[in-house]
C-alpha atoms as a PDB file:
ATOM      1  CA  MET A   1       0.226   0.060  -0.069  1.00  0.00           C
ATOM      2  CA  THR A   2       1.385   3.348  -1.147  1.00  0.00           C
ATOM      3  CA  MET A   3       0.192   6.261   1.230  1.00  0.00           C
ATOM      4  CA  GLY A   4       1.500   9.216  -1.365  1.00  0.00           C
ATOM      5  CA  ALA A   5       2.963  12.773  -0.261  1.00  0.00           C
ATOM      6  CA  GLU A   6      -0.477  13.897   1.581  1.00  0.00           C
ATOM      7  CA  THR A   7       0.408  11.521   4.226  1.00  0.00           C
ATOM      8  CA  VAL A   8       2.714  12.479   7.390  1.00  0.00           C
ATOM      9  CA  PHE A   9       3.967   9.827   9.736  1.00  0.00           C
ATOM     10  CA  ILE A  10       3.680  10.774  13.094  1.00  0.00           C
ATOM     11  CA  ASP A  11       6.338  10.120  15.943  1.00  0.00           C
ATOM     12  CA  THR A  12       5.517   9.044  19.176  1.00  0.00           C
ATOM     13  CA  ASN A  13       7.065  12.021  21.043  1.00  0.00           C
ATOM     14  CA  ILE A  14       4.328  14.039  18.790  1.00  0.00           C
ATOM     15  CA  LEU A  15       1.098  12.200  20.144  1.00  0.00           C
ATOM     16  CA  VAL A  16       2.876  12.285  23.772  1.00  0.00           C
ATOM     17  CA  TYR A  17       3.180  16.143  23.790  1.00  0.00           C
ATOM     18  CA  ALA A  18      -0.225  16.085  22.205  1.00  0.00           C
ATOM     19  CA  THR A  19      -2.161  14.263  24.507  1.00  0.00           C
ATOM     20  CA  ASP A  20       0.315  15.296  27.794  1.00  0.00           C
ATOM     21  CA  ASP A  21      -1.730  18.862  29.117  1.00  0.00           C
ATOM     22  CA  GLU A  22       1.409  19.352  31.022  1.00  0.00           C
ATOM     23  CA  SER A  23       3.632  19.312  28.596  1.00  0.00           C
ATOM     24  CA  PRO A  24       5.334  22.684  27.221  1.00  0.00           C
ATOM     25  CA  PHE A  25       4.797  21.461  23.709  1.00  0.00           C
ATOM     26  CA  ASN A  26       1.218  20.503  23.908  1.00  0.00           C
ATOM     27  CA  ALA A  27      -0.561  23.380  22.608  1.00  0.00           C
ATOM     28  CA  LYS A  28       1.854  23.435  19.601  1.00  0.00           C
ATOM     29  CA  SER A  29       1.656  19.287  18.757  1.00  0.00           C
ATOM     30  CA  LEU A  30      -2.296  19.422  19.243  1.00  0.00           C
ATOM     31  CA  GLY A  31      -2.265  22.579  16.759  1.00  0.00           C
ATOM     32  CA  ILE A  32      -0.134  21.049  14.337  1.00  0.00           C
ATOM     33  CA  ILE A  33      -2.240  17.846  14.148  1.00  0.00           C
ATOM     34  CA  LYS A  34      -5.237  19.544  13.886  1.00  0.00           C
ATOM     35  CA  GLN A  35      -4.356  21.949  11.491  1.00  0.00           C
ATOM     36  CA  LEU A  36      -2.458  19.421   9.089  1.00  0.00           C
ATOM     37  CA  MET A  37      -5.849  17.248   9.267  1.00  0.00           C
ATOM     38  CA  THR A  38      -8.171  20.295   8.410  1.00  0.00           C
ATOM     39  CA  ASP A  39      -5.333  21.044   5.669  1.00  0.00           C
ATOM     40  CA  GLY A  40      -6.312  16.917   4.102  1.00  0.00           C
ATOM     41  CA  ILE A  41      -3.027  15.584   5.489  1.00  0.00           C
ATOM     42  CA  ASN A  42      -3.637  11.968   6.530  1.00  0.00           C
ATOM     43  CA  PHE A  43      -1.478  10.492   9.337  1.00  0.00           C
ATOM     44  CA  ALA A  44       0.302   7.368   9.641  1.00  0.00           C
ATOM     45  CA  ILE A  45       1.683   5.248  12.625  1.00  0.00           C
ATOM     46  CA  SER A  46       2.865   1.828  13.217  1.00  0.00           C
ATOM     47  CA  PRO A  47       2.647  -0.635  16.089  1.00  0.00           C
ATOM     48  CA  GLN A  48       6.007   0.542  17.121  1.00  0.00           C
ATOM     49  CA  ILE A  49       4.623   3.990  18.019  1.00  0.00           C
ATOM     50  CA  VAL A  50       1.589   2.291  19.808  1.00  0.00           C
ATOM     51  CA  ARG A  51       3.903   0.498  21.911  1.00  0.00           C
ATOM     52  CA  GLU A  52       6.460   3.643  22.492  1.00  0.00           C
ATOM     53  CA  TYR A  53       3.311   5.428  23.167  1.00  0.00           C
ATOM     54  CA  LEU A  54       2.130   3.022  25.718  1.00  0.00           C
ATOM     55  CA  VAL A  55       5.284   2.695  27.398  1.00  0.00           C
ATOM     56  CA  VAL A  56       5.563   6.302  27.872  1.00  0.00           C
ATOM     57  CA  LEU A  57       2.565   6.892  29.376  1.00  0.00           C
ATOM     58  CA  THR A  58       2.015   3.874  31.504  1.00  0.00           C
ATOM     59  CA  ARG A  59       5.757   3.650  33.121  1.00  0.00           C
ATOM     60  CA  GLY A  60       5.443   3.248  36.677  1.00  0.00           C
ATOM     61  CA  LEU A  61       1.484   3.340  36.914  1.00  0.00           C
ATOM     62  CA  PRO A  62      -0.523   0.877  38.826  1.00  0.00           C
ATOM     63  CA  PRO A  63      -3.244  -1.215  36.875  1.00  0.00           C
ATOM     64  CA  ASP A  64      -6.354   0.710  38.330  1.00  0.00           C
ATOM     65  CA  ASP A  65      -4.434   4.045  37.663  1.00  0.00           C
ATOM     66  CA  PRO A  66      -7.087   6.209  35.263  1.00  0.00           C
ATOM     67  CA  ALA A  67      -4.189   7.429  33.450  1.00  0.00           C
ATOM     68  CA  ARG A  68      -3.791   3.914  31.821  1.00  0.00           C
ATOM     69  CA  SER A  69      -7.498   4.031  30.790  1.00  0.00           C
ATOM     70  CA  ALA A  70      -6.938   7.269  29.683  1.00  0.00           C
ATOM     71  CA  ALA A  71      -3.372   6.042  27.195  1.00  0.00           C
ATOM     72  CA  LEU A  72      -5.429   3.239  26.194  1.00  0.00           C
ATOM     73  CA  HIS A  73      -8.484   5.317  24.930  1.00  0.00           C
ATOM     74  CA  ASN A  74      -5.867   7.479  23.070  1.00  0.00           C
ATOM     75  CA  VAL A  75      -4.611   4.636  21.315  1.00  0.00           C
ATOM     76  CA  ARG A  76      -8.021   3.420  20.112  1.00  0.00           C
ATOM     77  CA  LYS A  77      -8.900   7.125  19.191  1.00  0.00           C
ATOM     78  CA  PHE A  78      -4.959   7.077  17.154  1.00  0.00           C
ATOM     79  CA  VAL A  79      -5.985   3.863  15.083  1.00  0.00           C
ATOM     80  CA  GLU A  80      -9.599   5.146  14.108  1.00  0.00           C
ATOM     81  CA  ALA A  81      -8.249   8.557  12.859  1.00  0.00           C
ATOM     82  CA  PHE A  82      -4.628   7.382  11.586  1.00  0.00           C
ATOM     83  CA  SER A  83      -3.363   4.632   8.874  1.00  0.00           C
ATOM     84  CA  LEU A  84      -1.755   1.903  10.672  1.00  0.00           C
ATOM     85  CA  LEU A  85       1.114   0.722   8.722  1.00  0.00           C
ATOM     86  CA  ASP A  86       2.262  -2.707   9.057  1.00  0.00           C
ATOM     87  CA  GLU A  87       5.850  -3.994   9.988  1.00  0.00           C
ATOM     88  CA  ASN A  88       6.047  -7.102   7.886  1.00  0.00           C
ATOM     89  CA  SER A  89       9.232  -8.990   6.167  1.00  0.00           C
ATOM     90  CA  GLU A  90       9.422  -6.301   3.839  1.00  0.00           C
ATOM     91  CA  SER A  91       9.827  -3.551   6.887  1.00  0.00           C
ATOM     92  CA  VAL A  92      12.596  -5.738   8.563  1.00  0.00           C
ATOM     93  CA  ALA A  93      14.345  -6.354   5.027  1.00  0.00           C
ATOM     94  CA  ARG A  94      14.756  -2.696   4.555  1.00  0.00           C
ATOM     95  CA  LEU A  95      15.677  -2.062   8.100  1.00  0.00           C
ATOM     96  CA  GLN A  96      18.623  -4.842   7.081  1.00  0.00           C
ATOM     97  CA  THR A  97      19.648  -2.894   4.696  1.00  0.00           C
ATOM     98  CA  ILE A  98      19.734   0.371   6.539  1.00  0.00           C
ATOM     99  CA  MET A  99      21.636  -1.272   9.408  1.00  0.00           C
ATOM    100  CA  GLU A 100      24.258  -2.490   6.352  1.00  0.00           C
ATOM    101  CA  ASN A 101      24.612   0.900   4.779  1.00  0.00           C
ATOM    102  CA  PHE A 102      24.533   2.870   7.546  1.00  0.00           C
ATOM    103  CA  ASP A 103      26.205   3.427  11.150  1.00  0.00           C
ATOM    104  CA  VAL A 104      23.006   2.667  12.873  1.00  0.00           C
ATOM    105  CA  GLY A 105      22.820   0.430  16.494  1.00  0.00           C
ATOM    106  CA  GLY A 106      21.266   0.296  19.957  1.00  0.00           C
ATOM    107  CA  LYS A 107      18.389   2.596  20.806  1.00  0.00           C
ATOM    108  CA  GLN A 108      18.861   4.139  16.795  1.00  0.00           C
ATOM    109  CA  ILE A 109      17.429   0.980  15.514  1.00  0.00           C
ATOM    110  CA  HIS A 110      14.034   2.087  16.834  1.00  0.00           C
ATOM    111  CA  ASP A 111      14.327   5.343  14.722  1.00  0.00           C
ATOM    112  CA  ALA A 112      15.742   2.974  11.778  1.00  0.00           C
ATOM    113  CA  ASN A 113      12.417   0.976  11.832  1.00  0.00           C
ATOM    114  CA  ILE A 114      10.438   3.976  11.519  1.00  0.00           C
ATOM    115  CA  VAL A 115      12.509   4.964   8.793  1.00  0.00           C
ATOM    116  CA  ALA A 116      12.155   1.450   6.833  1.00  0.00           C
ATOM    117  CA  VAL A 117       8.339   0.950   7.790  1.00  0.00           C
ATOM    118  CA  MET A 118       7.629   4.279   6.075  1.00  0.00           C
ATOM    119  CA  LEU A 119       9.995   3.705   3.055  1.00  0.00           C
ATOM    120  CA  VAL A 120       7.913   0.423   2.712  1.00  0.00           C
ATOM    121  CA  HIS A 121       4.756   2.026   2.669  1.00  0.00           C
ATOM    122  CA  GLY A 122       5.688   4.885   0.427  1.00  0.00           C
ATOM    123  CA  VAL A 123       5.634   7.699   3.089  1.00  0.00           C
ATOM    124  CA  LYS A 124       8.312  10.092   2.611  1.00  0.00           C
ATOM    125  CA  ARG A 125       7.478  12.853   5.416  1.00  0.00           C
ATOM    126  CA  LEU A 126       7.752  12.641   9.221  1.00  0.00           C
ATOM    127  CA  LEU A 127       6.520  15.064  11.891  1.00  0.00           C
ATOM    128  CA  THR A 128       8.883  14.490  15.095  1.00  0.00           C
ATOM    129  CA  TYR A 129      10.322  16.680  17.606  1.00  0.00           C
ATOM    130  CA  ASN A 130      13.816  14.992  17.683  1.00  0.00           C
ATOM    131  CA  GLN A 131      14.829  15.650  14.059  1.00  0.00           C
ATOM    132  CA  ASP A 132      18.470  14.980  14.905  1.00  0.00           C
ATOM    133  CA  ASP A 133      17.940  11.857  15.375  1.00  0.00           C
ATOM    134  CA  PHE A 134      16.469  10.749  11.716  1.00  0.00           C
ATOM    135  CA  LYS A 135      19.073  13.225   9.800  1.00  0.00           C
ATOM    136  CA  LYS A 136      21.043  10.256   8.842  1.00  0.00           C
ATOM    137  CA  PHE A 137      18.111   9.002   7.043  1.00  0.00           C
ATOM    138  CA  ASP A 138      17.133  12.853   5.141  1.00  0.00           C
ATOM    139  CA  HIS A 139      18.102  11.638   1.698  1.00  0.00           C
ATOM    140  CA  TRP A 140      15.139   9.246   2.002  1.00  0.00           C
ATOM    141  CA  ILE A 141      12.885  11.462   3.999  1.00  0.00           C
ATOM    142  CA  GLU A 142      11.239  14.586   4.778  1.00  0.00           C
ATOM    143  CA  ILE A 143      11.905  15.576   8.447  1.00  0.00           C
ATOM    144  CA  LEU A 144       9.175  17.947  10.110  1.00  0.00           C
ATOM    145  CA  GLY A 145      10.083  19.572  13.386  1.00  0.00           C
ATOM    146  CA  LEU A 146       7.318  21.375  15.308  1.00  0.00           C
ATOM    147  CA  ASP A 147       8.874  24.871  14.401  1.00  0.00           C
ATOM    148  CA  GLU A 148       8.822  23.645  10.498  1.00  0.00           C
ATOM    149  CA  VAL A 149       5.056  23.503  10.513  1.00  0.00           C
ATOM    150  CA  SER A 150       3.354  26.551  10.267  1.00  0.00           C
ATOM    151  CA  LEU A 151       0.052  26.919  11.482  1.00  0.00           C
END
């Protein structure tokens, strides 16, 4: 499935900021998501983004904490509103190719996997707060930071 130029892959940090009222990046993240959706931009995420989001928002919480329910509710909303791109044998092969051709290891594998999934699905733009983490892949993808998207 090719998504095309009208699709933007959304990184975990943007979703965390957009749903955390206490984040200093909340208004900007939420505003960008709303504006881009109004402009007809589609968003895509992957199972990795869902896992990372849940890790961040539930870390250290007891099972009955309302914040856990809120995080699960948010994930349901994300999956309804955004395209969920599969991680599959093709994306694993692309990840291996990235690792063979670039100095990528350790925690950087998470970022490389995002790029691999994007490339396999034809998504060329990434909205993230951590632009520097993806600079080594900028010949394949366009990296959009919070300050680079005007409202």
